Amino acid sequence: MKTYSFKVVMEPDEDAHGNPAWFAHCQALESIGGATSGRTQEEALRRINEVVRMIVQEFIEEGKPLPEGPRDSVEVEEVSQREPAKPDPHTHTPCPVGLPKRRTNAV
């Protein structure tokens, strides 16, 4: 299994009605939709994790290389089986995305 770790930045924000919210974005994937928001830090972190997973899965299924971002924003490592890291919503948090290795003829 290959694990991708993406740096996620979370910032206080407001929704369209001026209510407190959180903006979460992944610099390495922001140009292709790697950003979202939530009413709480936890909701924003959960949503950005889902967005990053969808983007990575789509690129892998289509056989495209993942976009490269700033050097410190993406980490890739080979692992056998590993549980995703528990995110700390109070810091800039890596967003681990564990996906199975792709076989040449498998989807």
Protein backbone atom coordinates (compact mmCIF):
# COMPACT_ATOMS: atom_id res chain seq x y z
CA MET A 1 0.00 0.00 0.00
CA LYS A 2 1.28 3.47 -0.82
CA THR A 3 0.57 6.25 1.65
CA TYR A 4 0.45 9.89 0.60
CA SER A 5 0.66 12.59 3.26
CA PHE A 6 -0.49 16.06 2.29
CA LYS A 7 -0.01 19.17 4.36
CA VAL A 8 -3.36 20.77 5.15
CA VAL A 9 -3.75 24.37 6.29
CA MET A 10 -6.78 25.37 8.36
CA GLU A 11 -7.79 28.98 8.87
CA PRO A 12 -10.65 30.68 10.70
CA ASP A 13 -13.21 31.99 8.21
CA GLU A 14 -16.85 33.05 7.85
CA ASP A 15 -19.68 31.49 5.88
CA ALA A 16 -21.87 33.47 3.44
CA HIS A 17 -24.02 34.69 6.35
CA GLY A 18 -21.10 35.92 8.46
CA ASN A 19 -21.16 32.95 10.84
CA PRO A 20 -17.86 31.55 12.15
CA ALA A 21 -16.43 28.79 9.97
CA TRP A 22 -13.10 27.13 9.06
CA PHE A 23 -11.38 27.05 5.68
CA ALA A 24 -9.16 24.03 4.96
CA HIS A 25 -6.93 23.67 1.92
CA CYS A 26 -4.13 21.48 0.61
CA GLN A 27 -1.59 23.64 -1.25
CA ALA A 28 -0.43 20.74 -3.42
CA LEU A 29 -3.98 20.07 -4.65
CA GLU A 30 -5.70 23.43 -4.30
CA SER A 31 -5.56 24.26 -8.02
CA ILE A 32 -7.61 21.13 -8.77
CA GLY A 33 -10.19 21.48 -5.99
CA GLY A 34 -8.23 20.65 -2.83
CA ALA A 35 -10.09 23.12 -0.60
CA THR A 36 -13.26 23.10 1.49
CA SER A 37 -14.77 24.55 4.65
CA GLY A 38 -16.80 23.57 7.68
CA ARG A 39 -18.60 25.11 10.62
CA THR A 40 -16.05 23.60 13.03
CA GLN A 41 -12.37 22.67 12.74
CA GLU A 42 -13.34 19.00 12.96
CA GLU A 43 -15.88 19.30 10.14
CA ALA A 44 -13.43 21.19 7.91
CA LEU A 45 -10.70 18.61 8.59
CA ARG A 46 -13.06 15.71 7.85
CA ARG A 47 -14.17 17.36 4.61
CA ILE A 48 -10.64 18.16 3.37
CA ASN A 49 -9.62 14.58 4.13
CA GLU A 50 -12.53 13.36 1.95
CA VAL A 51 -11.64 15.81 -0.84
CA VAL A 52 -7.96 14.80 -0.86
CA ARG A 53 -8.89 11.09 -0.88
CA MET A 54 -11.23 11.62 -3.85
CA ILE A 55 -8.61 13.57 -5.82
CA VAL A 56 -5.88 10.99 -5.18
CA GLN A 57 -8.20 8.08 -6.00
CA GLU A 58 -9.27 9.72 -9.26
CA PHE A 59 -5.69 10.37 -10.35
CA ILE A 60 -4.67 6.80 -9.54
CA GLU A 61 -7.68 5.29 -11.35
CA GLU A 62 -6.92 7.40 -14.42
CA GLY A 63 -3.20 6.59 -14.27
CA LYS A 64 -2.25 10.25 -13.95
CA PRO A 65 0.69 11.41 -11.84
CA LEU A 66 -0.33 13.41 -8.81
CA PRO A 67 0.33 17.13 -9.06
CA GLU A 68 3.48 18.28 -7.34
CA GLY A 69 3.16 20.97 -4.74
CA PRO A 70 5.57 22.77 -2.48
CA ARG A 71 8.33 20.46 -1.26
CA ASP A 72 7.08 20.33 2.31
CA SER A 73 3.45 19.68 1.39
CA VAL A 74 3.56 16.13 0.00
CA GLU A 75 5.16 12.97 1.36
CA VAL A 76 4.89 9.49 -0.16
CA GLU A 77 5.93 6.29 1.55
CA GLU A 78 5.47 2.58 0.97
CA VAL A 79 3.82 0.74 3.86
CA SER A 80 2.19 -2.65 4.27
CA GLN A 81 -0.93 -2.05 6.37
CA ARG A 82 -1.32 1.06 8.46
CA GLU A 83 -4.18 2.86 10.11
CA PRO A 84 -4.55 6.50 9.06
CA ALA A 85 -3.03 8.88 11.58
CA LYS A 86 -5.43 10.61 13.94
CA PRO A 87 -5.38 14.31 12.95
CA ASP A 88 -4.78 17.05 15.51
CA PRO A 89 -7.32 19.74 14.54
CA HIS A 90 -5.35 22.41 16.39
CA THR A 91 -2.31 22.41 14.10
CA HIS A 92 -1.41 22.38 10.43
CA THR A 93 -2.04 18.72 9.91
CA PRO A 94 -0.78 16.21 7.36
CA CYS A 95 -3.72 14.58 5.65
CA PRO A 96 -2.71 10.92 5.20
CA VAL A 97 -4.30 9.10 2.30
CA GLY A 98 -3.66 5.36 2.21
CA LEU A 99 -4.56 3.66 -1.05
CA PRO A 100 -3.79 0.17 -2.30
CA LYS A 101 -0.99 -0.24 -4.82
CA ARG A 102 -2.32 -0.24 -8.32
CA ARG A 103 -1.66 -3.22 -10.56
CA THR A 104 -1.07 -2.53 -14.21
CA ASN A 105 -4.31 -4.22 -15.35
CA ALA A 106 -6.39 -3.74 -12.22
CA VAL A 107 -8.80 -0.91 -11.51
